């Protein structure tokens, strides 16, 4: 008797995070797959590679001082260029 086991297969997405206002890459932006402990940080050229476990899934992108951004990706997204319009997120009164 043969048994078939279907495991969820992870997949890799590569990409780059770029500032829309300056066209410069964002070094140190964090990308995390929601509802997992899976995350990465962009390198010195704004590039990232992340192995995702769900399809579709939501990537949460964060950068110090900026409003967080969420992007939906799936297995058909081999490369993701995130062009981030700078929306400052400031503290007002504590």
PDB file of N, CA and C in Angstrom:
ATOM      1  N   UNK A   1       0.842  -1.174   0.000  1.00  0.00           N
ATOM      2  CA  UNK A   1       0.000   0.000   0.000  1.00  0.00           C
ATOM      3  C   UNK A   1       0.888   1.238   0.000  1.00  0.00           C
ATOM      4  N   UNK A   2       0.633   2.125  -0.934  1.00  0.00           N
ATOM      5  CA  UNK A   2       1.413   3.353  -1.023  1.00  0.00           C
ATOM      6  C   UNK A   2       0.662   4.493  -0.376  1.00  0.00           C
ATOM      7  N   UNK A   3       1.410   5.300   0.315  1.00  0.00           N
ATOM      8  CA  UNK A   3       0.835   6.462   0.970  1.00  0.00           C
ATOM      9  C   UNK A   3       1.420   7.712   0.338  1.00  0.00           C
ATOM     10  N   UNK A   4       0.580   8.672   0.044  1.00  0.00           N
ATOM     11  CA  UNK A   4       1.043   9.916  -0.555  1.00  0.00           C
ATOM     12  C   UNK A   4       1.024  10.995   0.514  1.00  0.00           C
ATOM     13  N   UNK A   5       2.175  11.668   0.629  1.00  0.00           N
ATOM     14  CA  UNK A   5       2.305  12.740   1.603  1.00  0.00           C
ATOM     15  C   UNK A   5       2.570  14.035   0.860  1.00  0.00           C
ATOM     16  N   UNK A   6       1.671  14.979   1.000  1.00  0.00           N
ATOM     17  CA  UNK A   6       1.841  16.274   0.355  1.00  0.00           C
ATOM     18  C   UNK A   6       2.274  17.290   1.398  1.00  0.00           C
ATOM     19  N   UNK A   7       3.486  17.746   1.278  1.00  0.00           N
ATOM     20  CA  UNK A   7       4.003  18.742   2.216  1.00  0.00           C
ATOM     21  C   UNK A   7       3.921  20.117   1.565  1.00  0.00           C
ATOM     22  N   UNK A   8       3.669  21.094   2.379  1.00  0.00           N
ATOM     23  CA  UNK A   8       3.674  22.461   1.862  1.00  0.00           C
ATOM     24  C   UNK A   8       5.096  22.791   1.453  1.00  0.00           C
ATOM     25  N   UNK A   9       5.260  23.208   0.239  1.00  0.00           N
ATOM     26  CA  UNK A   9       6.589  23.519  -0.255  1.00  0.00           C
ATOM     27  C   UNK A   9       6.821  25.014  -0.182  1.00  0.00           C
ATOM     28  N   UNK A  10       7.969  25.366   0.372  1.00  0.00           N
ATOM     29  CA  UNK A  10       8.313  26.774   0.441  1.00  0.00           C
ATOM     30  C   UNK A  10       8.798  27.241  -0.933  1.00  0.00           C
ATOM     31  N   UNK A  11       8.837  28.528  -1.119  1.00  0.00           N
ATOM     32  CA  UNK A  11       9.304  29.113  -2.368  1.00  0.00           C
ATOM     33  C   UNK A  11      10.047  30.392  -2.058  1.00  0.00           C
ATOM     34  N   UNK A  12      10.927  30.786  -2.952  1.00  0.00           N
ATOM     35  CA  UNK A  12      11.783  31.938  -2.717  1.00  0.00           C
ATOM     36  C   UNK A  12      11.330  33.134  -3.541  1.00  0.00           C
ATOM     37  N   UNK A  13      11.360  34.289  -2.904  1.00  0.00           N
ATOM     38  CA  UNK A  13      11.089  35.548  -3.585  1.00  0.00           C
ATOM     39  C   UNK A  13      12.302  36.443  -3.359  1.00  0.00           C
ATOM     40  N   UNK A  14      12.799  37.020  -4.444  1.00  0.00           N
ATOM     41  CA  UNK A  14      13.894  37.982  -4.372  1.00  0.00           C
ATOM     42  C   UNK A  14      13.322  39.345  -4.713  1.00  0.00           C
ATOM     43  N   UNK A  15      14.017  40.381  -4.280  1.00  0.00           N
ATOM     44  CA  UNK A  15      13.533  41.701  -4.630  1.00  0.00           C
ATOM     45  C   UNK A  15      14.436  42.815  -4.177  1.00  0.00           C
ATOM     46  N   UNK A  16      13.906  44.027  -4.299  1.00  0.00           N
ATOM     47  CA  UNK A  16      14.642  45.235  -3.956  1.00  0.00           C
ATOM     48  C   UNK A  16      13.652  46.247  -3.405  1.00  0.00           C
ATOM     49  N   UNK A  17      14.082  47.013  -2.392  1.00  0.00           N
ATOM     50  CA  UNK A  17      13.257  48.070  -1.810  1.00  0.00           C
ATOM     51  C   UNK A  17      13.894  49.408  -2.174  1.00  0.00           C
ATOM     52  N   UNK A  18      13.097  50.277  -2.807  1.00  0.00           N
ATOM     53  CA  UNK A  18      13.591  51.550  -3.347  1.00  0.00           C
ATOM     54  C   UNK A  18      12.716  52.701  -2.848  1.00  0.00           C
ATOM     55  N   UNK A  19      13.357  53.821  -2.562  1.00  0.00           N
ATOM     56  CA  UNK A  19      12.640  55.043  -2.204  1.00  0.00           C
ATOM     57  C   UNK A  19      12.109  55.701  -3.463  1.00  0.00           C
ATOM     58  N   UNK A  20      10.823  56.028  -3.501  1.00  0.00           N
ATOM     59  CA  UNK A  20      10.223  56.678  -4.673  1.00  0.00           C
ATOM     60  C   UNK A  20      10.724  58.115  -4.826  1.00  0.00           C
ATOM     61  N   UNK A  21      10.983  58.792  -3.727  1.00  0.00           N
ATOM     62  CA  UNK A  21      11.364  60.203  -3.807  1.00  0.00           C
ATOM     63  C   UNK A  21      12.809  60.404  -4.267  1.00  0.00           C
ATOM     64  N   UNK A  22      13.716  59.514  -3.861  1.00  0.00           N
ATOM     65  CA  UNK A  22      15.127  59.699  -4.215  1.00  0.00           C
ATOM     66  C   UNK A  22      15.640  58.654  -5.191  1.00  0.00           C
ATOM     67  N   UNK A  23      14.850  57.617  -5.447  1.00  0.00           N
ATOM     68  CA  UNK A  23      15.239  56.494  -6.299  1.00  0.00           C
ATOM     69  C   UNK A  23      16.443  55.736  -5.740  1.00  0.00           C
ATOM     70  N   UNK A  24      16.703  55.888  -4.438  1.00  0.00           N
ATOM     71  CA  UNK A  24      17.796  55.180  -3.777  1.00  0.00           C
ATOM     72  C   UNK A  24      17.249  53.950  -3.082  1.00  0.00           C
ATOM     73  N   UNK A  25      18.109  52.960  -2.920  1.00  0.00           N
ATOM     74  CA  UNK A  25      17.690  51.739  -2.237  1.00  0.00           C
ATOM     75  C   UNK A  25      17.624  51.978  -0.733  1.00  0.00           C
ATOM     76  N   UNK A  26      16.765  51.220  -0.066  1.00  0.00           N
ATOM     77  CA  UNK A  26      16.624  51.333   1.385  1.00  0.00           C
ATOM     78  C   UNK A  26      17.387  50.196   2.054  1.00  0.00           C
ATOM     79  N   UNK A  27      18.467  50.558   2.724  1.00  0.00           N
ATOM     80  CA  UNK A  27      19.315  49.596   3.427  1.00  0.00           C
ATOM     81  C   UNK A  27      18.715  49.338   4.805  1.00  0.00           C
ATOM     82  N   UNK A  28      18.564  48.081   5.175  1.00  0.00           N
ATOM     83  CA  UNK A  28      18.091  47.737   6.515  1.00  0.00           C
ATOM     84  C   UNK A  28      16.590  47.717   6.686  1.00  0.00           C
ATOM     85  N   UNK A  29      15.837  47.731   5.593  1.00  0.00           N
ATOM     86  CA  UNK A  29      14.384  47.568   5.701  1.00  0.00           C
ATOM     87  C   UNK A  29      14.106  46.114   6.092  1.00  0.00           C
ATOM     88  N   UNK A  30      13.101  45.894   6.923  1.00  0.00           N
ATOM     89  CA  UNK A  30      12.764  44.529   7.328  1.00  0.00           C
ATOM     90  C   UNK A  30      11.535  44.051   6.571  1.00  0.00           C
ATOM     91  N   UNK A  31      11.565  42.783   6.181  1.00  0.00           N
ATOM     92  CA  UNK A  31      10.438  42.143   5.511  1.00  0.00           C
ATOM     93  C   UNK A  31      10.097  40.901   6.307  1.00  0.00           C
ATOM     94  N   UNK A  32       8.821  40.739   6.659  1.00  0.00           N
ATOM     95  CA  UNK A  32       8.389  39.588   7.447  1.00  0.00           C
ATOM     96  C   UNK A  32       7.115  38.998   6.868  1.00  0.00           C
ATOM     97  N   UNK A  33       7.075  37.676   6.801  1.00  0.00           N
ATOM     98  CA  UNK A  33       5.866  36.975   6.377  1.00  0.00           C
ATOM     99  C   UNK A  33       4.905  36.979   7.562  1.00  0.00           C
ATOM    100  N   UNK A  34       3.711  37.535   7.372  1.00  0.00           N
ATOM    101  CA  UNK A  34       2.755  37.634   8.481  1.00  0.00           C
ATOM    102  C   UNK A  34       2.402  36.259   9.040  1.00  0.00           C
ATOM    103  N   UNK A  35       2.145  36.230  10.333  1.00  0.00           N
ATOM    104  CA  UNK A  35       1.743  35.030  11.069  1.00  0.00           C
ATOM    105  C   UNK A  35       2.809  33.940  11.078  1.00  0.00           C
ATOM    106  N   UNK A  36       4.072  34.323  10.889  1.00  0.00           N
ATOM    107  CA  UNK A  36       5.193  33.387  10.987  1.00  0.00           C
ATOM    108  C   UNK A  36       6.342  34.086  11.713  1.00  0.00           C
ATOM    109  N   UNK A  37       7.414  33.356  11.958  1.00  0.00           N
ATOM    110  CA  UNK A  37       8.638  33.940  12.506  1.00  0.00           C
ATOM    111  C   UNK A  37       9.648  34.179  11.398  1.00  0.00           C
ATOM    112  N   UNK A  38       9.195  34.236  10.174  1.00  0.00           N
ATOM    113  CA  UNK A  38      10.031  34.304   8.994  1.00  0.00           C
ATOM    114  C   UNK A  38      10.268  35.752   8.586  1.00  0.00           C
ATOM    115  N   UNK A  39      11.536  36.176   8.536  1.00  0.00           N
ATOM    116  CA  UNK A  39      11.821  37.539   8.126  1.00  0.00           C
ATOM    117  C   UNK A  39      13.256  37.727   7.687  1.00  0.00           C
ATOM    118  N   UNK A  40      13.504  38.823   6.958  1.00  0.00           N
ATOM    119  CA  UNK A  40      14.843  39.168   6.480  1.00  0.00           C
ATOM    120  C   UNK A  40      15.020  40.678   6.519  1.00  0.00           C
ATOM    121  N   UNK A  41      16.263  41.109   6.301  1.00  0.00           N
ATOM    122  CA  UNK A  41      16.613  42.533   6.244  1.00  0.00           C
ATOM    123  C   UNK A  41      17.282  42.802   4.897  1.00  0.00           C
ATOM    124  N   UNK A  42      16.977  43.953   4.278  1.00  0.00           N
ATOM    125  CA  UNK A  42      17.619  44.287   3.010  1.00  0.00           C
ATOM    126  C   UNK A  42      19.105  44.545   3.214  1.00  0.00           C
ATOM    127  N   UNK A  43      19.895  44.224   2.176  1.00  0.00           N
ATOM    128  CA  UNK A  43      21.345  44.392   2.258  1.00  0.00           C
ATOM    129  C   UNK A  43      21.748  45.821   1.879  1.00  0.00           C
ATOM    130  N   UNK A  44      23.064  46.046   1.653  1.00  0.00           N
ATOM    131  CA  UNK A  44      23.574  47.382   1.351  1.00  0.00           C
ATOM    132  C   UNK A  44      23.126  47.921   0.002  1.00  0.00           C
ATOM    133  N   UNK A  45      22.533  47.074  -0.820  1.00  0.00           N
ATOM    134  CA  UNK A  45      22.017  47.522  -2.116  1.00  0.00           C
ATOM    135  C   UNK A  45      20.492  47.466  -2.160  1.00  0.00           C
ATOM    136  N   UNK A  46      19.862  47.280  -0.992  1.00  0.00           N
ATOM    137  CA  UNK A  46      18.411  47.236  -0.902  1.00  0.00           C
ATOM    138  C   UNK A  46      17.798  45.918  -1.339  1.00  0.00           C
ATOM    139  N   UNK A  47      18.640  44.919  -1.609  1.00  0.00           N
ATOM    140  CA  UNK A  47      18.167  43.610  -2.065  1.00  0.00           C
ATOM    141  C   UNK A  47      17.762  42.713  -0.903  1.00  0.00           C
ATOM    142  N   UNK A  48      16.861  41.793  -1.192  1.00  0.00           N
ATOM    143  CA  UNK A  48      16.476  40.795  -0.204  1.00  0.00           C
ATOM    144  C   UNK A  48      16.144  39.485  -0.894  1.00  0.00           C
ATOM    145  N   UNK A  49      16.242  38.400  -0.137  1.00  0.00           N
ATOM    146  CA  UNK A  49      15.788  37.070  -0.556  1.00  0.00           C
ATOM    147  C   UNK A  49      15.074  36.477   0.644  1.00  0.00           C
ATOM    148  N   UNK A  50      13.869  35.998   0.430  1.00  0.00           N
ATOM    149  CA  UNK A  50      13.109  35.408   1.532  1.00  0.00           C
ATOM    150  C   UNK A  50      12.431  34.127   1.041  1.00  0.00           C
ATOM    151  N   UNK A  51      12.498  33.108   1.863  1.00  0.00           N
ATOM    152  CA  UNK A  51      11.820  31.846   1.561  1.00  0.00           C
ATOM    153  C   UNK A  51      10.488  31.877   2.300  1.00  0.00           C
ATOM    154  N   UNK A  52       9.401  31.823   1.534  1.00  0.00           N
ATOM    155  CA  UNK A  52       8.056  31.937   2.094  1.00  0.00           C
ATOM    156  C   UNK A  52       7.409  30.561   2.213  1.00  0.00           C
ATOM    157  N   UNK A  53       6.483  30.440   3.149  1.00  0.00           N
ATOM    158  CA  UNK A  53       5.870  29.142   3.421  1.00  0.00           C
ATOM    159  C   UNK A  53       4.428  29.034   2.972  1.00  0.00           C
ATOM    160  N   UNK A  54       3.792  30.168   2.711  1.00  0.00           N
ATOM    161  CA  UNK A  54       2.383  30.158   2.329  1.00  0.00           C
ATOM    162  C   UNK A  54       2.208  30.858   0.985  1.00  0.00           C
ATOM    163  N   UNK A  55       1.204  30.449   0.231  1.00  0.00           N
ATOM    164  CA  UNK A  55       0.904  31.104  -1.043  1.00  0.00           C
ATOM    165  C   UNK A  55      -0.606  31.122  -1.256  1.00  0.00           C
ATOM    166  N   UNK A  56      -1.198  32.307  -1.359  1.00  0.00           N
ATOM    167  CA  UNK A  56      -0.580  33.619  -1.216  1.00  0.00           C
ATOM    168  C   UNK A  56      -0.276  33.921   0.249  1.00  0.00           C
ATOM    169  N   UNK A  57       0.554  34.937   0.439  1.00  0.00           N
ATOM    170  CA  UNK A  57       0.896  35.382   1.780  1.00  0.00           C
ATOM    171  C   UNK A  57       1.099  36.889   1.764  1.00  0.00           C
ATOM    172  N   UNK A  58       1.201  37.471   2.938  1.00  0.00           N
ATOM    173  CA  UNK A  58       1.396  38.917   3.053  1.00  0.00           C
ATOM    174  C   UNK A  58       2.779  39.179   3.623  1.00  0.00           C
ATOM    175  N   UNK A  59       3.543  40.029   2.932  1.00  0.00           N
ATOM    176  CA  UNK A  59       4.825  40.499   3.439  1.00  0.00           C
ATOM    177  C   UNK A  59       4.611  41.862   4.067  1.00  0.00           C
ATOM    178  N   UNK A  60       5.077  42.001   5.285  1.00  0.00           N
ATOM    179  CA  UNK A  60       5.033  43.284   5.965  1.00  0.00           C
ATOM    180  C   UNK A  60       6.421  43.902   5.860  1.00  0.00           C
ATOM    181  N   UNK A  61       6.500  45.122   5.315  1.00  0.00           N
ATOM    182  CA  UNK A  61       7.775  45.792   5.118  1.00  0.00           C
ATOM    183  C   UNK A  61       7.824  46.994   6.052  1.00  0.00           C
ATOM    184  N   UNK A  62       8.936  47.114   6.790  1.00  0.00           N
ATOM    185  CA  UNK A  62       9.095  48.202   7.752  1.00  0.00           C
ATOM    186  C   UNK A  62      10.453  48.860   7.569  1.00  0.00           C
ATOM    187  N   UNK A  63      10.483  50.161   7.851  1.00  0.00           N
ATOM    188  CA  UNK A  63      11.728  50.915   7.811  1.00  0.00           C
ATOM    189  C   UNK A  63      11.625  51.986   8.881  1.00  0.00           C
ATOM    190  N   UNK A  64      12.694  52.238   9.593  1.00  0.00           N
ATOM    191  CA  UNK A  64      12.684  53.177  10.715  1.00  0.00           C
ATOM    192  C   UNK A  64      12.134  54.533  10.291  1.00  0.00           C
ATOM    193  N   UNK A  65      11.135  55.005  11.018  1.00  0.00           N
ATOM    194  CA  UNK A  65      10.564  56.320  10.780  1.00  0.00           C
ATOM    195  C   UNK A  65       9.514  56.386   9.688  1.00  0.00           C
ATOM    196  N   UNK A  66       9.251  55.257   9.013  1.00  0.00           N
ATOM    197  CA  UNK A  66       8.267  55.262   7.932  1.00  0.00           C
ATOM    198  C   UNK A  66       7.086  54.374   8.267  1.00  0.00           C
ATOM    199  N   UNK A  67       5.968  54.675   7.672  1.00  0.00           N
ATOM    200  CA  UNK A  67       4.754  53.883   7.867  1.00  0.00           C
ATOM    201  C   UNK A  67       4.940  52.504   7.223  1.00  0.00           C
ATOM    202  N   UNK A  68       4.563  51.454   7.933  1.00  0.00           N
ATOM    203  CA  UNK A  68       4.700  50.085   7.438  1.00  0.00           C
ATOM    204  C   UNK A  68       3.869  49.886   6.176  1.00  0.00           C
ATOM    205  N   UNK A  69       4.329  48.949   5.351  1.00  0.00           N
ATOM    206  CA  UNK A  69       3.643  48.650   4.089  1.00  0.00           C
ATOM    207  C   UNK A  69       3.427  47.150   4.022  1.00  0.00           C
ATOM    208  N   UNK A  70       2.310  46.715   3.451  1.00  0.00           N
ATOM    209  CA  UNK A  70       2.035  45.285   3.276  1.00  0.00           C
ATOM    210  C   UNK A  70       1.796  44.987   1.800  1.00  0.00           C
ATOM    211  N   UNK A  71       2.359  43.862   1.345  1.00  0.00           N
ATOM    212  CA  UNK A  71       2.268  43.456  -0.053  1.00  0.00           C
ATOM    213  C   UNK A  71       1.871  41.990  -0.105  1.00  0.00           C
ATOM    214  N   UNK A  72       0.938  41.655  -0.965  1.00  0.00           N
ATOM    215  CA  UNK A  72       0.529  40.261  -1.151  1.00  0.00           C
ATOM    216  C   UNK A  72       1.402  39.638  -2.233  1.00  0.00           C
ATOM    217  N   UNK A  73       1.975  38.465  -1.934  1.00  0.00           N
ATOM    218  CA  UNK A  73       2.790  37.733  -2.905  1.00  0.00           C
ATOM    219  C   UNK A  73       2.330  36.276  -2.957  1.00  0.00           C
ATOM    220  N   UNK A  74       2.694  35.612  -4.042  1.00  0.00           N
ATOM    221  CA  UNK A  74       2.402  34.187  -4.163  1.00  0.00           C
ATOM    222  C   UNK A  74       3.527  33.494  -4.924  1.00  0.00           C
ATOM    223  N   UNK A  75       3.350  32.221  -5.208  1.00  0.00           N
ATOM    224  CA  UNK A  75       4.380  31.434  -5.889  1.00  0.00           C
ATOM    225  C   UNK A  75       4.757  31.981  -7.264  1.00  0.00           C
ATOM    226  N   UNK A  76       3.902  32.784  -7.857  1.00  0.00           N
ATOM    227  CA  UNK A  76       4.163  33.353  -9.176  1.00  0.00           C
ATOM    228  C   UNK A  76       4.876  34.691  -9.104  1.00  0.00           C
ATOM    229  N   UNK A  77       5.435  35.029  -7.937  1.00  0.00           N
ATOM    230  CA  UNK A  77       6.138  36.293  -7.739  1.00  0.00           C
ATOM    231  C   UNK A  77       7.622  35.998  -7.515  1.00  0.00           C
ATOM    232  N   UNK A  78       8.405  35.791  -8.580  1.00  0.00           N
ATOM    233  CA  UNK A  78       9.816  35.476  -8.385  1.00  0.00           C
ATOM    234  C   UNK A  78      10.659  36.689  -7.996  1.00  0.00           C
ATOM    235  N   UNK A  79      10.248  37.898  -8.452  1.00  0.00           N
ATOM    236  CA  UNK A  79      10.992  39.112  -8.125  1.00  0.00           C
ATOM    237  C   UNK A  79       9.999  40.205  -7.772  1.00  0.00           C
ATOM    238  N   UNK A  80      10.298  40.925  -6.707  1.00  0.00           N
ATOM    239  CA  UNK A  80       9.391  41.952  -6.209  1.00  0.00           C
ATOM    240  C   UNK A  80      10.164  43.249  -6.027  1.00  0.00           C
ATOM    241  N   UNK A  81       9.808  44.288  -6.784  1.00  0.00           N
ATOM    242  CA  UNK A  81      10.418  45.596  -6.606  1.00  0.00           C
ATOM    243  C   UNK A  81       9.431  46.455  -5.831  1.00  0.00           C
ATOM    244  N   UNK A  82       9.831  46.831  -4.640  1.00  0.00           N
ATOM    245  CA  UNK A  82       8.960  47.624  -3.776  1.00  0.00           C
ATOM    246  C   UNK A  82       9.431  49.067  -3.845  1.00  0.00           C
ATOM    247  N   UNK A  83       8.619  49.921  -4.451  1.00  0.00           N
ATOM    248  CA  UNK A  83       8.943  51.344  -4.539  1.00  0.00           C
ATOM    249  C   UNK A  83       8.129  52.039  -3.469  1.00  0.00           C
ATOM    250  N   UNK A  84       8.824  52.550  -2.486  1.00  0.00           N
ATOM    251  CA  UNK A  84       8.196  53.050  -1.275  1.00  0.00           C
ATOM    252  C   UNK A  84       8.106  54.559  -1.289  1.00  0.00           C
ATOM    253  N   UNK A  85       6.877  55.063  -1.339  1.00  0.00           N
ATOM    254  CA  UNK A  85       6.648  56.499  -1.219  1.00  0.00           C
ATOM    255  C   UNK A  85       6.777  56.839   0.255  1.00  0.00           C
ATOM    256  N   UNK A  86       7.631  57.788   0.552  1.00  0.00           N
ATOM    257  CA  UNK A  86       7.930  58.119   1.940  1.00  0.00           C
ATOM    258  C   UNK A  86       6.748  58.794   2.620  1.00  0.00           C
ATOM    259  N   UNK A  87       6.163  58.088   3.556  1.00  0.00           N
ATOM    260  CA  UNK A  87       5.124  58.637   4.412  1.00  0.00           C
ATOM    261  C   UNK A  87       5.671  58.579   5.824  1.00  0.00           C
ATOM    262  N   UNK A  88       6.059  59.724   6.339  1.00  0.00           N
ATOM    263  CA  UNK A  88       6.678  59.748   7.660  1.00  0.00           C
ATOM    264  C   UNK A  88       5.653  59.380   8.726  1.00  0.00           C
ATOM    265  N   UNK A  89       6.118  58.603   9.667  1.00  0.00           N
ATOM    266  CA  UNK A  89       5.296  58.178  10.783  1.00  0.00           C
ATOM    267  C   UNK A  89       5.918  58.785  12.024  1.00  0.00           C
ATOM    268  N   UNK A  90       5.319  59.823  12.555  1.00  0.00           N
ATOM    269  CA  UNK A  90       5.922  60.567  13.661  1.00  0.00           C
ATOM    270  C   UNK A  90       5.103  60.428  14.940  1.00  0.00           C
ATOM    271  N   UNK A  91       5.787  60.510  16.048  1.00  0.00           N
ATOM    272  CA  UNK A  91       5.114  60.591  17.343  1.00  0.00           C
ATOM    273  C   UNK A  91       4.737  62.039  17.590  1.00  0.00           C
ATOM    274  N   UNK A  92       3.573  62.265  18.106  1.00  0.00           N
ATOM    275  CA  UNK A  92       3.197  63.631  18.418  1.00  0.00           C
ATOM    276  C   UNK A  92       3.364  63.876  19.904  1.00  0.00           C
ATOM    277  N   UNK A  93       2.387  63.529  20.674  1.00  0.00           N
ATOM    278  CA  UNK A  93       2.428  63.776  22.105  1.00  0.00           C
ATOM    279  C   UNK A  93       2.315  62.464  22.844  1.00  0.00           C
ATOM    280  N   UNK A  94       3.127  62.296  23.845  1.00  0.00           N
ATOM    281  CA  UNK A  94       3.058  61.065  24.640  1.00  0.00           C
ATOM    282  C   UNK A  94       2.209  61.261  25.865  1.00  0.00           C
TER     283      UNK A  94
END
